[in-house]
Amino acid sequence: MAESTNPSSNDTARPAPVKRRRRSRWRPLLIAIVLLAAGGGALGYFRTASDAEAQAEPVTALAVRGDIEDAVSALGNIQPRDYVDVGAQVSGQLKQIHVVVGQDVPNNFLLAEIDPVVLVARVEGGRAQLASLKAQLVDRQAQATLAGLVFERQGKLRRDKATSEEAYESADAAARSAAAQVDMLKAQISQVESTIRGDEATLGYTKIYAPMAGTVVSLTARKGQTLNTNQQAPIILRIADLSTMTIWTQVSEADVSRLKLGMKAYFNTLGTPQRRWTGRLRQIMPTPEVVNNVVLYTALFDVANPKQELMTQMTAQVYFVVGEAHDVVTVPFSAVKRSGRERKATVDVVGEDGAIETRPVEVGVTNRVLAEIRSGITPGERVVIGNRAAEPRTAQGNRPGGSPGLPRMRF
């Protein structure tokens, strides 16, 4: 019995090692399957991304015929081209002002008057002094004539030896002195006459006349105000010719090199943005103005203002035309590509079959938006201006929370 129980116990203990070997045999296979699935999912993901890039859609636009302009833009200020500040040349109280702001005045129009009392008195005093000197001159001339006659008589007597030498010499000296007195009075009269002319001119300055025809654009003095010309010439008003206006434009140093004298310029005002005034660049100031560390050069051009629609100190949006073309083939500026050392221009054109052809083109006027195509493209052709990337498609088997392209697996 003991022998029969031992074999049975040995038989029942042998199958355990067989199950362990089966499990260890399937484990490498299971790991290999997982790795293959992961690799396939990753390959599908990258293939999807590459497909999305391959399927990027070109953004296109039509070549059309139209106008194009390349311009330098800047802000400007409108001022009269011809104007004059009218001031006072004499001191005194402003007695009367005969004009108001906005009034049109002709040349030599009486604008204002300064109290002339002091100057009138000065002129009258000079005239009285002149009259006195002229009276003295008549007296001295009479005395000189008499002294001359006495001297002649003494000369005859001397020749006849009927007078002394002393009497003769005294008569000669008296005649010479009388003649000198006449000359001195004549000089004094000339001096007083000159003074009177100056005083009369100064008196005339009390009446202020318009030095030019125009419009009174500003009035800085008031009636009754005392004007003092000893320190600084006081300004009473300004007259301007508003028939021609000058636009003072500030251009940045980056753009001023593109400006040329005589080039076309135009501007709009804030009140009439649809209206355009045109002119020609007349002058570029050589000395810049620095505003907040920005270097600005002043450019001037004139425009006619017959109806006086433009007013002083208006703000103008100015455009200096560097280049322009009319009724030409244009494409978006982004469609033009340049490559190589010679920077030759090309444009990608979409054919009727959808194929994209790269063509060399000749480019004319360009700005930040459009480019003129002089040759290489005809109106109506579609050109590529960029690419619109398609959205990448997710691989099948994606689930929320899982990696894209990788199926969830259980172990």
Protein backbone atom coordinates (compact mmCIF):
# COMPACT_ATOMS: atom_id res chain seq x y z
CA MET A 1 0.00 0.00 0.00
CA ALA A 2 2.89 2.25 0.79
CA GLU A 3 4.29 1.69 -2.70
CA SER A 4 0.97 2.51 -4.42
CA THR A 5 0.50 5.86 -2.66
CA ASN A 6 3.94 7.26 -3.57
CA PRO A 7 3.52 7.01 -7.34
CA SER A 8 0.12 8.69 -7.19
CA SER A 9 1.50 11.57 -5.18
CA ASN A 10 4.36 11.99 -7.69
CA ASP A 11 1.94 12.04 -10.66
CA THR A 12 -0.24 14.71 -9.19
CA ALA A 13 2.79 17.00 -8.49
CA ARG A 14 4.21 16.99 -12.08
CA PRO A 15 1.68 19.15 -14.07
CA ALA A 16 2.57 22.41 -12.17
CA PRO A 17 5.84 23.06 -14.06
CA VAL A 18 4.02 22.67 -17.41
CA LYS A 19 1.59 25.63 -16.71
CA ARG A 20 4.46 27.96 -15.75
CA ARG A 21 6.23 27.21 -19.05
CA ARG A 22 3.03 28.03 -21.07
CA ARG A 23 2.60 31.44 -19.38
CA SER A 24 6.24 32.37 -19.90
CA ARG A 25 5.91 31.37 -23.58
CA TRP A 26 2.95 33.80 -24.26
CA ARG A 27 4.37 36.83 -22.46
CA PRO A 28 6.98 37.79 -25.14
CA LEU A 29 4.34 37.41 -27.84
CA LEU A 30 1.96 39.70 -25.98
CA ILE A 31 4.65 42.38 -25.54
CA ALA A 32 5.50 42.18 -29.25
CA ILE A 33 1.84 42.77 -30.18
CA VAL A 34 1.69 45.85 -27.95
CA LEU A 35 4.84 47.31 -29.49
CA LEU A 36 3.57 46.68 -33.02
CA ALA A 37 0.29 48.40 -32.22
CA ALA A 38 2.09 51.40 -30.74
CA GLY A 39 4.38 51.68 -33.75
CA GLY A 40 1.48 51.44 -36.15
CA GLY A 41 -0.43 54.15 -34.30
CA ALA A 42 2.55 56.50 -34.31
CA LEU A 43 3.10 55.85 -38.02
CA GLY A 44 -0.54 56.65 -38.70
CA TYR A 45 -0.30 59.88 -36.71
CA PHE A 46 2.74 61.20 -38.56
CA ARG A 47 1.28 60.09 -41.88
CA THR A 48 -1.88 62.04 -41.05
CA ALA A 49 0.16 65.17 -40.25
CA SER A 50 2.13 64.83 -43.48
CA ASP A 51 -1.10 64.34 -45.40
CA ALA A 52 -2.45 67.56 -43.85
CA GLU A 53 0.62 69.44 -45.00
CA ALA A 54 0.35 67.91 -48.45
CA GLN A 55 -3.28 68.94 -48.61
CA ALA A 56 -2.54 72.65 -47.74
CA GLU A 57 -4.75 74.74 -49.97
CA PRO A 58 -3.25 77.71 -51.85
CA VAL A 59 -4.90 81.10 -51.27
CA THR A 60 -5.39 82.80 -54.63
CA ALA A 61 -6.45 86.14 -56.06
CA LEU A 62 -7.27 87.41 -59.53
CA ALA A 63 -4.97 89.63 -61.56
CA VAL A 64 -7.04 92.68 -62.46
CA ARG A 65 -6.59 95.87 -64.43
CA GLY A 66 -6.62 99.09 -62.44
CA ASP A 67 -4.65 102.02 -61.03
CA ILE A 68 -1.74 101.85 -58.57
CA GLU A 69 0.13 104.49 -56.61
CA ASP A 70 3.26 104.50 -54.47
CA ALA A 71 3.22 107.47 -52.09
CA VAL A 72 4.93 108.83 -48.98
CA SER A 73 2.32 109.86 -46.42
CA ALA A 74 2.79 112.57 -43.80
CA LEU A 75 0.87 115.10 -41.74
CA GLY A 76 0.87 118.76 -42.68
CA ASN A 77 -0.34 122.17 -41.57
CA ILE A 78 -1.93 124.74 -43.88
CA GLN A 79 -0.57 128.31 -43.83
CA PRO A 80 -0.90 131.31 -46.17
CA ARG A 81 1.97 131.51 -48.63
CA ASP A 82 2.19 135.33 -48.45
CA TYR A 83 1.53 137.20 -45.22
CA VAL A 84 2.90 140.12 -43.24
CA ASP A 85 2.86 141.03 -39.56
CA VAL A 86 1.92 144.70 -39.26
CA GLY A 87 3.52 146.47 -36.30
CA ALA A 88 4.05 149.95 -34.88
CA GLN A 89 7.15 152.04 -35.63
CA VAL A 90 6.45 154.67 -32.97
CA SER A 91 5.51 154.51 -29.32
CA GLY A 92 2.22 155.80 -28.06
CA GLN A 93 -1.35 154.93 -27.27
CA LEU A 94 -3.31 153.01 -29.90
CA LYS A 95 -6.02 155.54 -30.61
CA GLN A 96 -8.10 153.74 -33.23
CA ILE A 97 -8.32 150.37 -35.06
CA HIS A 98 -10.22 150.48 -38.34
CA VAL A 99 -10.39 146.75 -39.20
CA VAL A 100 -11.67 143.49 -37.75
CA VAL A 101 -10.51 139.91 -38.14
CA GLY A 102 -11.64 138.42 -41.45
CA GLN A 103 -11.93 141.75 -43.22
CA ASP A 104 -10.48 142.03 -46.72
CA VAL A 105 -8.35 145.15 -47.15
CA PRO A 106 -6.70 146.69 -50.24
CA ASN A 107 -3.13 147.88 -50.36
CA ASN A 108 -2.45 151.16 -48.45
CA PHE A 109 -5.70 150.85 -46.50
CA LEU A 110 -5.70 152.74 -43.16
CA LEU A 111 -5.58 150.03 -40.49
CA ALA A 112 -4.95 151.85 -37.19
CA GLU A 113 -3.88 155.16 -35.65
CA ILE A 114 -1.58 156.01 -32.75
CA ASP A 115 -2.09 159.20 -30.70
CA PRO A 116 0.07 161.81 -32.54
CA VAL A 117 -0.01 164.67 -29.98
CA VAL A 118 3.63 164.43 -28.89
CA LEU A 119 4.94 164.05 -32.42
CA VAL A 120 2.81 166.91 -33.74
CA ALA A 121 4.30 169.17 -31.05
CA ARG A 122 7.80 168.07 -32.00
CA VAL A 123 7.22 168.86 -35.66
CA GLU A 124 5.72 172.24 -34.85
CA GLY A 125 8.68 173.09 -32.62
CA GLY A 126 11.07 172.19 -35.39
CA ARG A 127 9.25 174.34 -37.86
CA ALA A 128 9.33 177.30 -35.47
CA GLN A 129 13.06 176.84 -34.97
CA LEU A 130 13.51 176.74 -38.72
CA ALA A 131 11.62 179.99 -39.13
CA SER A 132 13.83 181.63 -36.48
CA LEU A 133 16.99 180.49 -38.19
CA LYS A 134 15.80 181.76 -41.54
CA ALA A 135 15.12 185.17 -39.98
CA GLN A 136 18.59 185.22 -38.46
CA LEU A 137 20.01 184.31 -41.84
CA VAL A 138 18.41 187.35 -43.42
CA ASP A 139 19.92 189.55 -40.71
CA ARG A 140 23.36 187.98 -41.06
CA GLN A 141 23.24 188.27 -44.81
CA ALA A 142 22.50 192.00 -44.46
CA GLN A 143 25.39 192.42 -42.04
CA ALA A 144 27.64 190.48 -44.36
CA THR A 145 26.67 192.74 -47.26
CA LEU A 146 27.43 195.83 -45.19
CA ALA A 147 30.76 194.42 -44.02
CA GLY A 148 31.65 193.75 -47.63
CA LEU A 149 30.94 197.33 -48.64
CA VAL A 150 33.02 198.69 -45.76
CA PHE A 151 35.89 196.47 -46.79
CA GLU A 152 35.71 197.68 -50.39
CA ARG A 153 35.73 201.31 -49.23
CA GLN A 154 38.73 200.69 -47.01
CA GLY A 155 40.47 199.14 -49.94
CA LYS A 156 40.06 202.27 -52.08
CA LEU A 157 41.19 204.47 -49.24
CA ARG A 158 44.22 202.30 -48.73
CA ARG A 159 45.21 202.63 -52.36
CA ASP A 160 44.92 206.41 -52.00
CA LYS A 161 46.83 206.22 -48.74
CA ALA A 162 43.87 207.85 -47.04
CA THR A 163 43.34 205.21 -44.28
CA SER A 164 45.44 203.34 -41.84
CA GLU A 165 46.49 199.76 -42.29
CA GLU A 166 44.70 198.85 -39.06
CA ALA A 167 41.33 200.12 -40.31
CA TYR A 168 41.76 198.19 -43.53
CA GLU A 169 42.51 194.94 -41.68
CA SER A 170 39.55 195.43 -39.33
CA ALA A 171 37.19 195.86 -42.27
CA ASP A 172 38.60 192.72 -43.90
CA ALA A 173 38.07 190.66 -40.72
CA ALA A 174 34.54 191.99 -40.25
CA ALA A 175 33.59 191.02 -43.81
CA ARG A 176 35.01 187.55 -43.43
CA SER A 177 33.22 187.04 -40.08
CA ALA A 178 29.89 188.17 -41.49
CA ALA A 179 30.19 185.73 -44.40
CA ALA A 180 31.04 182.90 -41.98
CA GLN A 181 27.98 183.75 -39.89
CA VAL A 182 25.82 183.41 -42.98
CA ASP A 183 27.32 180.00 -43.81
CA MET A 184 26.81 178.83 -40.23
CA LEU A 185 23.15 179.78 -40.25
CA LYS A 186 22.64 178.02 -43.57
CA ALA A 187 24.10 174.84 -42.06
CA GLN A 188 21.86 175.14 -39.02
CA ILE A 189 18.86 175.61 -41.27
CA SER A 190 19.78 172.45 -43.21
CA GLN A 191 20.12 170.52 -39.95
CA VAL A 192 16.75 171.69 -38.66
CA GLU A 193 15.10 170.93 -41.99
CA SER A 194 16.49 167.39 -41.83
CA THR A 195 15.20 166.99 -38.28
CA ILE A 196 11.80 168.23 -39.33
CA ARG A 197 11.67 165.74 -42.19
CA GLY A 198 12.44 162.93 -39.74
CA ASP A 199 9.82 164.17 -37.30
CA GLU A 200 7.25 164.45 -40.07
CA ALA A 201 8.03 160.88 -41.15
CA THR A 202 7.67 159.71 -37.56
CA LEU A 203 4.39 161.56 -37.35
CA GLY A 204 3.27 159.73 -40.46
CA TYR A 205 3.98 156.41 -38.71
CA THR A 206 1.14 157.15 -36.32
CA LYS A 207 -1.15 156.16 -39.16
CA ILE A 208 -0.63 152.50 -40.02
CA TYR A 209 -1.46 151.43 -43.58
CA ALA A 210 -1.75 147.97 -45.15
CA PRO A 211 1.54 147.01 -46.86
CA MET A 212 -0.29 144.49 -49.08
CA ALA A 213 -3.77 143.50 -50.13
CA GLY A 214 -5.24 140.56 -48.25
CA THR A 215 -7.33 139.43 -45.31
CA VAL A 216 -6.87 140.35 -41.67
CA VAL A 217 -6.27 136.93 -40.12
CA SER A 218 -5.30 138.00 -36.59
CA LEU A 219 -5.50 141.06 -34.36
CA THR A 220 -3.19 141.09 -31.34
CA ALA A 221 -3.51 144.70 -30.10
CA ARG A 222 -6.49 146.52 -28.60
CA LYS A 223 -7.76 150.07 -28.80
CA GLY A 224 -6.28 152.16 -25.98
CA GLN A 225 -3.25 149.90 -25.56
CA THR A 226 0.10 151.64 -25.09
CA LEU A 227 2.72 150.53 -27.57
CA ASN A 228 6.43 150.69 -26.71
CA THR A 229 8.84 150.40 -29.61
CA ASN A 230 11.99 150.97 -27.56
CA GLN A 231 12.34 147.31 -26.56
CA GLN A 232 10.55 145.34 -29.29
CA ALA A 233 8.44 146.29 -32.26
CA PRO A 234 4.85 145.52 -31.18
CA ILE A 235 2.70 143.51 -33.62
CA ILE A 236 -0.79 144.89 -34.11
CA LEU A 237 -2.26 142.51 -36.70
CA ARG A 238 -1.46 140.08 -39.51
CA ILE A 239 -2.58 140.36 -43.12
CA ALA A 240 -2.43 137.30 -45.39
CA ASP A 241 -3.19 136.53 -49.01
CA LEU A 242 -5.49 133.50 -48.77
CA SER A 243 -5.72 132.92 -52.52
CA THR A 244 -2.67 130.62 -52.36
CA MET A 245 -1.90 128.38 -49.39
CA THR A 246 1.30 126.58 -48.44
CA ILE A 247 1.21 123.13 -46.83
CA TRP A 248 3.98 122.70 -44.26
CA THR A 249 4.54 118.94 -44.07
CA GLN A 250 6.73 117.02 -41.63
CA VAL A 251 8.38 114.01 -43.28
CA SER A 252 10.39 111.40 -41.38
CA GLU A 253 14.07 110.96 -42.14
CA ALA A 254 13.33 107.45 -43.46
CA ASP A 255 11.10 108.86 -46.22
CA VAL A 256 12.65 112.24 -47.03
CA SER A 257 15.22 110.66 -49.37
CA ARG A 258 12.34 109.51 -51.62
CA LEU A 259 11.12 113.08 -52.15
CA LYS A 260 12.13 115.04 -55.25
CA LEU A 261 11.48 118.70 -56.01
CA GLY A 262 8.63 119.08 -58.48
CA MET A 263 7.00 115.74 -57.64
CA LYS A 264 3.22 115.56 -57.41
CA ALA A 265 1.65 115.97 -53.98
CA TYR A 266 -1.94 116.00 -52.78
CA PHE A 267 -3.78 116.12 -49.48
CA ASN A 268 -7.14 115.77 -47.77
CA THR A 269 -8.48 117.70 -44.80
CA LEU A 270 -10.34 116.33 -41.81
CA GLY A 271 -13.50 118.18 -42.78
CA THR A 272 -13.53 117.04 -46.41
CA PRO A 273 -11.77 113.66 -46.63
CA GLN A 274 -13.31 112.99 -50.06
CA ARG A 275 -11.89 116.21 -51.54
CA ARG A 276 -8.35 116.21 -52.95
CA TRP A 277 -6.10 119.26 -53.44
CA THR A 278 -2.98 118.84 -55.57
CA GLY A 279 0.31 120.68 -55.98
CA ARG A 280 4.03 120.24 -56.66
CA LEU A 281 6.77 119.91 -54.07
CA ARG A 282 8.46 123.32 -53.93
CA GLN A 283 11.03 123.14 -51.15
CA ILE A 284 12.59 120.81 -48.57
CA MET A 285 14.03 122.58 -45.55
CA PRO A 286 17.67 121.52 -44.98
CA THR A 287 17.49 121.77 -41.19
CA PRO A 288 15.33 119.15 -39.45
CA GLU A 289 13.16 119.45 -36.38
CA VAL A 290 13.58 116.88 -33.61
CA VAL A 291 10.33 115.97 -31.83
CA ASN A 292 10.55 113.31 -29.09
CA ASN A 293 13.83 112.02 -30.56
CA VAL A 294 12.19 111.72 -34.00
CA VAL A 295 13.93 113.60 -36.83
CA LEU A 296 11.44 115.35 -39.12
CA TYR A 297 12.12 117.41 -42.25
CA THR A 298 9.76 120.13 -43.45
CA ALA A 299 8.53 119.89 -47.04
CA LEU A 300 6.53 122.71 -48.66
CA PHE A 301 4.13 122.84 -51.59
CA ASP A 302 1.49 125.36 -52.68
CA VAL A 303 -2.13 124.97 -53.72
CA ALA A 304 -4.58 127.46 -55.17
CA ASN A 305 -7.40 128.53 -52.87
CA PRO A 306 -9.63 130.79 -54.99
CA LYS A 307 -12.79 130.14 -52.96
CA GLN A 308 -10.90 130.30 -49.65
CA GLU A 309 -12.13 126.86 -48.62
CA LEU A 310 -8.77 126.17 -46.99
CA MET A 311 -8.17 128.04 -43.76
CA THR A 312 -5.12 128.80 -41.67
CA GLN A 313 -3.88 126.06 -39.30
CA MET A 314 -5.99 123.29 -40.89
CA THR A 315 -4.56 119.77 -40.57
CA ALA A 316 -3.79 117.98 -43.84
CA GLN A 317 -3.14 114.30 -44.60
CA VAL A 318 -0.47 114.63 -47.27
CA TYR A 319 0.68 112.14 -49.92
CA PHE A 320 3.81 112.65 -52.04
CA VAL A 321 3.46 110.52 -55.17
CA VAL A 322 6.71 108.60 -55.78
CA GLY A 323 5.25 106.57 -58.65
CA GLU A 324 1.88 105.84 -60.22
CA ALA A 325 0.39 103.87 -63.11
CA HIS A 326 -3.11 103.86 -64.58
CA ASP A 327 -5.08 101.07 -66.27
CA VAL A 328 -2.38 98.44 -65.72
CA VAL A 329 -2.37 94.79 -64.61
CA THR A 330 -2.10 94.54 -60.82
CA VAL A 331 -1.78 91.66 -58.37
CA PRO A 332 -1.53 91.59 -54.57
CA PHE A 333 1.99 92.50 -53.44
CA SER A 334 2.29 89.20 -51.55
CA ALA A 335 2.02 87.30 -54.85
CA VAL A 336 5.40 88.60 -56.06
CA LYS A 337 8.44 86.58 -55.01
CA ARG A 338 12.07 87.44 -55.56
CA SER A 339 14.94 84.98 -55.51
CA GLY A 340 18.55 84.65 -56.57
CA ARG A 341 21.29 87.21 -56.57
CA GLU A 342 19.60 89.24 -59.28
CA ARG A 343 16.37 89.27 -57.24
CA LYS A 344 14.28 88.35 -60.27
CA ALA A 345 10.55 88.52 -59.69
CA THR A 346 8.26 85.51 -60.15
CA VAL A 347 4.57 84.82 -59.55
CA ASP A 348 2.85 81.45 -59.02
CA VAL A 349 -0.09 81.19 -61.44
CA VAL A 350 -2.89 78.61 -61.07
CA GLY A 351 -3.83 77.05 -64.40
CA GLU A 352 -7.28 75.92 -65.52
CA ASP A 353 -6.43 72.36 -64.53
CA GLY A 354 -5.39 73.50 -61.04
CA ALA A 355 -1.67 73.08 -61.67
CA ILE A 356 0.59 75.82 -60.31
CA GLU A 357 3.11 77.39 -62.68
CA THR A 358 5.92 79.72 -61.60
CA ARG A 359 6.31 82.54 -64.13
CA PRO A 360 8.93 85.27 -64.38
CA VAL A 361 7.33 88.72 -64.45
CA GLU A 362 8.36 92.34 -64.90
CA VAL A 363 7.27 94.45 -61.94
CA GLY A 364 6.55 98.18 -62.18
CA VAL A 365 5.09 100.40 -59.47
CA THR A 366 4.58 98.73 -56.09
CA ASN A 367 3.20 99.70 -52.73
CA ARG A 368 2.37 97.82 -49.57
CA VAL A 369 -0.81 96.36 -51.07
CA LEU A 370 -0.47 95.97 -54.86
CA ALA A 371 2.17 95.46 -57.51
CA GLU A 372 2.06 96.46 -61.17
CA ILE A 373 2.84 93.57 -63.56
CA ARG A 374 4.13 94.90 -66.87
CA SER A 375 4.60 91.50 -68.50
CA GLY A 376 4.08 87.82 -67.69
CA ILE A 377 0.45 87.86 -66.50
CA THR A 378 -2.83 88.81 -68.14
CA PRO A 379 -5.95 90.10 -66.40
CA GLY A 380 -8.24 87.35 -65.11
CA GLU A 381 -5.50 84.86 -64.27
CA ARG A 382 -5.43 83.53 -60.74
CA VAL A 383 -2.23 83.95 -58.73
CA VAL A 384 -1.12 82.38 -55.45
CA ILE A 385 -0.75 84.81 -52.56
CA GLY A 386 -0.28 82.26 -49.74
CA ASN A 387 -1.32 78.88 -48.31
CA ARG A 388 -4.24 77.92 -46.11
CA ALA A 389 -3.21 74.84 -44.07
CA ALA A 390 -5.88 72.05 -43.86
CA GLU A 391 -6.86 70.70 -40.43
CA PRO A 392 -5.06 67.37 -39.69
CA ARG A 393 -7.36 64.36 -39.60
CA THR A 394 -7.24 62.13 -36.50
CA ALA A 395 -6.53 58.43 -36.99
CA GLN A 396 -9.31 55.94 -36.49
CA GLY A 397 -9.51 54.40 -33.07
CA ASN A 398 -8.89 57.63 -31.12
CA ARG A 399 -10.81 57.83 -27.91
CA PRO A 400 -11.10 60.61 -25.37
CA GLY A 401 -8.14 60.54 -23.05
CA GLY A 402 -6.02 58.39 -25.37
CA SER A 403 -3.07 59.32 -27.53
CA PRO A 404 -4.00 60.13 -31.15
CA GLY A 405 -3.62 57.11 -33.39
CA LEU A 406 -3.01 54.65 -30.52
CA PRO A 407 -5.79 52.18 -29.51
CA ARG A 408 -6.34 51.50 -25.82
CA MET A 409 -5.38 48.03 -24.84
CA ARG A 410 -5.87 45.91 -21.80
CA PHE A 411 -3.32 43.59 -20.38
